[in-house]
């Protein structure tokens, strides 16, 4: 039976870093929304926020398509993004029809630490991710309300990545590995 591992949570919780490392350590393919959106942005382009939203929508639809193709082939898959509740519901509905097991790994942390990570990464971000400009601390903090552990699907586990270290990574790795092998 196919298994889907969803890495999601607040902004700047190291979702991409963790998902790529899990992919490598477990030999499971991983699709990161930001990477796909960058490719689409470079090839299709965008000139305003509305077009950027369309790229985001297309990116999610493409991710869902690739996941379902992997599930058809019984290939466990990791996907990563700060999925909206509506996207989680759409994934849940698609997976339900194929009896796919799902683990949601929800990452969270202290707003002050996460906001500083957000600020620190901005100079190196791809233009497709900077169409809103630098968001204020207040908007950043409010954005946390958009993504809640309760919106996770399947089995849901959460990890605080405020002070991320090898011990926390290995806890996440063990949880995902147990799920992938059918132990949890």
C-alpha atoms as a PDB file:
ATOM      1  CA  UNK A   1       0.000   0.000   0.000  1.00  0.00           C
ATOM      2  CA  UNK A   2       1.296   3.438  -0.953  1.00  0.00           C
ATOM      3  CA  UNK A   3       2.248   5.908   1.727  1.00  0.00           C
ATOM      4  CA  UNK A   4       2.273   9.682   1.496  1.00  0.00           C
ATOM      5  CA  UNK A   5       4.359  11.749   3.891  1.00  0.00           C
ATOM      6  CA  UNK A   6       3.334  15.415   4.051  1.00  0.00           C
ATOM      7  CA  UNK A   7       5.783  17.891   5.558  1.00  0.00           C
ATOM      8  CA  UNK A   8       3.956  21.122   6.392  1.00  0.00           C
ATOM      9  CA  UNK A   9       3.669  23.839   9.012  1.00  0.00           C
ATOM     10  CA  UNK A  10       4.535  27.438   9.725  1.00  0.00           C
ATOM     11  CA  UNK A  11       6.766  29.587   7.544  1.00  0.00           C
ATOM     12  CA  UNK A  12      10.530  29.191   8.132  1.00  0.00           C
ATOM     13  CA  UNK A  13      10.269  25.950  10.128  1.00  0.00           C
ATOM     14  CA  UNK A  14      12.866  24.229   7.891  1.00  0.00           C
ATOM     15  CA  UNK A  15      10.269  22.215   5.956  1.00  0.00           C
ATOM     16  CA  UNK A  16      12.323  22.057   2.762  1.00  0.00           C
ATOM     17  CA  UNK A  17      15.573  21.264   4.556  1.00  0.00           C
ATOM     18  CA  UNK A  18      13.974  18.457   6.546  1.00  0.00           C
ATOM     19  CA  UNK A  19      11.980  16.986   3.647  1.00  0.00           C
ATOM     20  CA  UNK A  20      15.017  16.842   1.355  1.00  0.00           C
ATOM     21  CA  UNK A  21      17.115  15.218   4.045  1.00  0.00           C
ATOM     22  CA  UNK A  22      14.379  12.656   4.770  1.00  0.00           C
ATOM     23  CA  UNK A  23      14.152  11.918   1.058  1.00  0.00           C
ATOM     24  CA  UNK A  24      17.871  11.254   0.842  1.00  0.00           C
ATOM     25  CA  UNK A  25      18.101   9.261   4.077  1.00  0.00           C
ATOM     26  CA  UNK A  26      15.062   7.089   3.298  1.00  0.00           C
ATOM     27  CA  UNK A  27      15.378   6.850  -0.479  1.00  0.00           C
ATOM     28  CA  UNK A  28      11.865   8.230  -0.948  1.00  0.00           C
ATOM     29  CA  UNK A  29      11.142  10.751  -3.728  1.00  0.00           C
ATOM     30  CA  UNK A  30      10.281  14.240  -2.527  1.00  0.00           C
ATOM     31  CA  UNK A  31       8.396  17.041  -4.261  1.00  0.00           C
ATOM     32  CA  UNK A  32       8.871  20.528  -2.826  1.00  0.00           C
ATOM     33  CA  UNK A  33       6.318  23.137  -3.814  1.00  0.00           C
ATOM     34  CA  UNK A  34       8.854  25.970  -3.865  1.00  0.00           C
ATOM     35  CA  UNK A  35      11.161  24.118  -6.286  1.00  0.00           C
ATOM     36  CA  UNK A  36       8.322  23.314  -8.671  1.00  0.00           C
ATOM     37  CA  UNK A  37       7.029  26.881  -8.502  1.00  0.00           C
ATOM     38  CA  UNK A  38      10.510  28.215  -9.299  1.00  0.00           C
ATOM     39  CA  UNK A  39      10.687  26.086 -12.455  1.00  0.00           C
ATOM     40  CA  UNK A  40       7.222  27.183 -13.532  1.00  0.00           C
ATOM     41  CA  UNK A  41       8.022  30.813 -12.764  1.00  0.00           C
ATOM     42  CA  UNK A  42      11.222  30.724 -14.804  1.00  0.00           C
ATOM     43  CA  UNK A  43       9.519  29.092 -17.783  1.00  0.00           C
ATOM     44  CA  UNK A  44       6.071  30.676 -17.720  1.00  0.00           C
ATOM     45  CA  UNK A  45       6.883  33.901 -15.939  1.00  0.00           C
ATOM     46  CA  UNK A  46       4.689  36.240 -13.929  1.00  0.00           C
ATOM     47  CA  UNK A  47       4.291  39.984 -13.796  1.00  0.00           C
ATOM     48  CA  UNK A  48       2.034  40.546 -10.795  1.00  0.00           C
ATOM     49  CA  UNK A  49       0.669  38.986  -7.614  1.00  0.00           C
ATOM     50  CA  UNK A  50      -2.405  37.552  -9.373  1.00  0.00           C
ATOM     51  CA  UNK A  51      -0.246  35.675 -11.885  1.00  0.00           C
ATOM     52  CA  UNK A  52       1.920  34.492  -8.994  1.00  0.00           C
ATOM     53  CA  UNK A  53      -1.212  33.048  -7.324  1.00  0.00           C
ATOM     54  CA  UNK A  54      -1.970  31.193 -10.562  1.00  0.00           C
ATOM     55  CA  UNK A  55       1.531  29.731 -10.487  1.00  0.00           C
ATOM     56  CA  UNK A  56       0.926  28.586  -6.900  1.00  0.00           C
ATOM     57  CA  UNK A  57      -2.353  26.945  -7.886  1.00  0.00           C
ATOM     58  CA  UNK A  58      -0.738  25.206 -10.875  1.00  0.00           C
ATOM     59  CA  UNK A  59       2.171  24.098  -8.682  1.00  0.00           C
ATOM     60  CA  UNK A  60      -0.160  22.414  -6.202  1.00  0.00           C
ATOM     61  CA  UNK A  61      -2.126  20.708  -8.981  1.00  0.00           C
ATOM     62  CA  UNK A  62       1.107  19.426 -10.517  1.00  0.00           C
ATOM     63  CA  UNK A  63       2.300  18.137  -7.134  1.00  0.00           C
ATOM     64  CA  UNK A  64      -0.985  16.326  -6.605  1.00  0.00           C
ATOM     65  CA  UNK A  65      -0.751  14.798 -10.091  1.00  0.00           C
ATOM     66  CA  UNK A  66       2.803  13.536  -9.450  1.00  0.00           C
ATOM     67  CA  UNK A  67       1.812  12.123  -6.065  1.00  0.00           C
ATOM     68  CA  UNK A  68      -1.081  10.202  -7.571  1.00  0.00           C
ATOM     69  CA  UNK A  69       1.176   8.803 -10.322  1.00  0.00           C
ATOM     70  CA  UNK A  70       3.645   7.617  -7.673  1.00  0.00           C
ATOM     71  CA  UNK A  71       0.804   6.135  -5.637  1.00  0.00           C
ATOM     72  CA  UNK A  72      -0.401   4.231  -8.742  1.00  0.00           C
ATOM     73  CA  UNK A  73       3.073   2.670  -8.883  1.00  0.00           C
ATOM     74  CA  UNK A  74       3.095   1.990  -5.113  1.00  0.00           C
ATOM     75  CA  UNK A  75       5.977   4.428  -4.548  1.00  0.00           C
ATOM     76  CA  UNK A  76       6.032   6.089  -1.145  1.00  0.00           C
ATOM     77  CA  UNK A  77       6.362   9.843  -1.607  1.00  0.00           C
ATOM     78  CA  UNK A  78       7.211  12.932   0.450  1.00  0.00           C
ATOM     79  CA  UNK A  79       5.637  16.286  -0.390  1.00  0.00           C
ATOM     80  CA  UNK A  80       6.420  19.582   1.275  1.00  0.00           C
ATOM     81  CA  UNK A  81       4.741  22.967   1.456  1.00  0.00           C
ATOM     82  CA  UNK A  82       2.806  25.149   3.860  1.00  0.00           C
ATOM     83  CA  UNK A  83      -0.366  23.600   2.449  1.00  0.00           C
ATOM     84  CA  UNK A  84      -3.595  25.539   2.832  1.00  0.00           C
ATOM     85  CA  UNK A  85      -6.504  23.730   4.537  1.00  0.00           C
ATOM     86  CA  UNK A  86      -8.310  23.520   1.178  1.00  0.00           C
ATOM     87  CA  UNK A  87      -5.252  21.873  -0.401  1.00  0.00           C
ATOM     88  CA  UNK A  88      -5.032  19.386   2.451  1.00  0.00           C
ATOM     89  CA  UNK A  89      -8.688  18.516   1.939  1.00  0.00           C
ATOM     90  CA  UNK A  90      -8.102  18.058  -1.786  1.00  0.00           C
ATOM     91  CA  UNK A  91      -5.169  15.733  -1.072  1.00  0.00           C
ATOM     92  CA  UNK A  92      -7.222  13.837   1.455  1.00  0.00           C
ATOM     93  CA  UNK A  93     -10.042  13.308  -1.041  1.00  0.00           C
ATOM     94  CA  UNK A  94      -7.670  12.183  -3.795  1.00  0.00           C
ATOM     95  CA  UNK A  95      -5.871   9.758  -1.483  1.00  0.00           C
ATOM     96  CA  UNK A  96      -9.071   8.370   0.039  1.00  0.00           C
ATOM     97  CA  UNK A  97     -10.184   7.000  -3.322  1.00  0.00           C
ATOM     98  CA  UNK A  98      -6.960   4.970  -3.616  1.00  0.00           C
ATOM     99  CA  UNK A  99      -6.735   3.856   0.022  1.00  0.00           C
ATOM    100  CA  UNK A 100      -3.419   5.654   0.516  1.00  0.00           C
ATOM    101  CA  UNK A 101      -1.980   5.908   4.016  1.00  0.00           C
ATOM    102  CA  UNK A 102      -0.941   9.425   5.012  1.00  0.00           C
ATOM    103  CA  UNK A 103       1.374  10.858   7.643  1.00  0.00           C
ATOM    104  CA  UNK A 104       1.378  14.608   8.190  1.00  0.00           C
ATOM    105  CA  UNK A 105       4.469  16.009   9.894  1.00  0.00           C
ATOM    106  CA  UNK A 106       3.533  19.470  11.164  1.00  0.00           C
ATOM    107  CA  UNK A 107       6.421  21.790  12.012  1.00  0.00           C
ATOM    108  CA  UNK A 108       6.041  24.786  14.297  1.00  0.00           C
ATOM    109  CA  UNK A 109       8.193  27.070  16.401  1.00  0.00           C
ATOM    110  CA  UNK A 110       8.650  30.296  18.297  1.00  0.00           C
ATOM    111  CA  UNK A 111       7.485  33.278  16.236  1.00  0.00           C
ATOM    112  CA  UNK A 112      10.561  35.398  17.042  1.00  0.00           C
ATOM    113  CA  UNK A 113      13.007  32.700  15.917  1.00  0.00           C
ATOM    114  CA  UNK A 114      10.977  31.834  12.819  1.00  0.00           C
ATOM    115  CA  UNK A 115      10.650  35.468  11.804  1.00  0.00           C
ATOM    116  CA  UNK A 116      14.417  35.946  12.069  1.00  0.00           C
ATOM    117  CA  UNK A 117      14.922  32.854   9.857  1.00  0.00           C
ATOM    118  CA  UNK A 118      12.443  34.344   7.408  1.00  0.00           C
ATOM    119  CA  UNK A 119      14.359  37.662   7.355  1.00  0.00           C
ATOM    120  CA  UNK A 120      17.721  35.911   6.996  1.00  0.00           C
ATOM    121  CA  UNK A 121      16.650  33.852   3.978  1.00  0.00           C
ATOM    122  CA  UNK A 122      14.979  36.684   2.031  1.00  0.00           C
ATOM    123  CA  UNK A 123      18.087  37.933   0.152  1.00  0.00           C
ATOM    124  CA  UNK A 124      18.575  34.461  -1.360  1.00  0.00           C
ATOM    125  CA  UNK A 125      14.946  33.689  -2.202  1.00  0.00           C
ATOM    126  CA  UNK A 126      13.872  33.129  -5.763  1.00  0.00           C
ATOM    127  CA  UNK A 127      11.812  36.068  -7.138  1.00  0.00           C
ATOM    128  CA  UNK A 128       8.753  33.841  -7.459  1.00  0.00           C
ATOM    129  CA  UNK A 129       8.618  33.732  -3.630  1.00  0.00           C
ATOM    130  CA  UNK A 130       9.073  37.447  -3.013  1.00  0.00           C
ATOM    131  CA  UNK A 131       6.073  38.942  -4.810  1.00  0.00           C
ATOM    132  CA  UNK A 132       4.607  40.165  -1.500  1.00  0.00           C
ATOM    133  CA  UNK A 133       7.825  41.871  -0.506  1.00  0.00           C
ATOM    134  CA  UNK A 134       9.101  41.527   3.030  1.00  0.00           C
ATOM    135  CA  UNK A 135       6.155  40.908   5.320  1.00  0.00           C
ATOM    136  CA  UNK A 136       6.017  42.583   8.714  1.00  0.00           C
ATOM    137  CA  UNK A 137       6.391  40.745  11.990  1.00  0.00           C
ATOM    138  CA  UNK A 138       2.668  41.252  12.661  1.00  0.00           C
ATOM    139  CA  UNK A 139       1.626  39.744   9.306  1.00  0.00           C
ATOM    140  CA  UNK A 140       4.119  36.902   9.797  1.00  0.00           C
ATOM    141  CA  UNK A 141       2.650  36.162  13.226  1.00  0.00           C
ATOM    142  CA  UNK A 142      -0.898  36.282  11.841  1.00  0.00           C
ATOM    143  CA  UNK A 143       0.100  33.868   9.054  1.00  0.00           C
ATOM    144  CA  UNK A 144       0.661  31.215  11.707  1.00  0.00           C
ATOM    145  CA  UNK A 145      -3.103  31.103  12.221  1.00  0.00           C
ATOM    146  CA  UNK A 146      -3.541  29.918   8.620  1.00  0.00           C
ATOM    147  CA  UNK A 147      -1.653  26.673   9.247  1.00  0.00           C
ATOM    148  CA  UNK A 148      -2.733  24.484  12.132  1.00  0.00           C
ATOM    149  CA  UNK A 149      -1.833  20.961  13.179  1.00  0.00           C
ATOM    150  CA  UNK A 150      -5.559  20.173  13.213  1.00  0.00           C
ATOM    151  CA  UNK A 151      -5.658  20.639   9.431  1.00  0.00           C
ATOM    152  CA  UNK A 152      -3.276  17.702   9.000  1.00  0.00           C
ATOM    153  CA  UNK A 153      -4.607  14.541   7.395  1.00  0.00           C
ATOM    154  CA  UNK A 154      -4.024  10.883   8.172  1.00  0.00           C
ATOM    155  CA  UNK A 155      -1.776  10.354  11.146  1.00  0.00           C
ATOM    156  CA  UNK A 156      -0.521  13.709  12.403  1.00  0.00           C
ATOM    157  CA  UNK A 157       2.643  14.354  14.396  1.00  0.00           C
ATOM    158  CA  UNK A 158       4.186  17.694  15.257  1.00  0.00           C
ATOM    159  CA  UNK A 159       7.681  18.876  16.002  1.00  0.00           C
ATOM    160  CA  UNK A 160       9.013  22.159  17.346  1.00  0.00           C
ATOM    161  CA  UNK A 161      11.917  23.288  15.138  1.00  0.00           C
ATOM    162  CA  UNK A 162      12.698  26.472  17.078  1.00  0.00           C
ATOM    163  CA  UNK A 163      16.044  25.059  18.173  1.00  0.00           C
ATOM    164  CA  UNK A 164      16.476  22.472  15.453  1.00  0.00           C
ATOM    165  CA  UNK A 165      19.267  19.960  16.023  1.00  0.00           C
ATOM    166  CA  UNK A 166      20.284  16.391  15.155  1.00  0.00           C
ATOM    167  CA  UNK A 167      18.189  14.910  17.972  1.00  0.00           C
ATOM    168  CA  UNK A 168      15.021  16.517  16.640  1.00  0.00           C
ATOM    169  CA  UNK A 169      15.876  15.468  13.074  1.00  0.00           C
ATOM    170  CA  UNK A 170      16.403  11.869  14.202  1.00  0.00           C
ATOM    171  CA  UNK A 171      13.041  11.901  16.023  1.00  0.00           C
ATOM    172  CA  UNK A 172      11.367  13.023  12.796  1.00  0.00           C
ATOM    173  CA  UNK A 173      13.352  10.489  10.752  1.00  0.00           C
ATOM    174  CA  UNK A 174      12.393   7.654  13.106  1.00  0.00           C
ATOM    175  CA  UNK A 175       8.715   8.603  13.024  1.00  0.00           C
ATOM    176  CA  UNK A 176       8.650   8.764   9.218  1.00  0.00           C
ATOM    177  CA  UNK A 177      10.659   5.555   8.901  1.00  0.00           C
ATOM    178  CA  UNK A 178       8.301   3.699  11.271  1.00  0.00           C
ATOM    179  CA  UNK A 179       5.315   4.957   9.263  1.00  0.00           C
ATOM    180  CA  UNK A 180       6.909   3.979   5.963  1.00  0.00           C
ATOM    181  CA  UNK A 181       7.646   0.469   7.234  1.00  0.00           C
ATOM    182  CA  UNK A 182       4.143   0.114   8.679  1.00  0.00           C
ATOM    183  CA  UNK A 183       5.148   0.171  12.348  1.00  0.00           C
ATOM    184  CA  UNK A 184       3.074   3.177  13.282  1.00  0.00           C
END
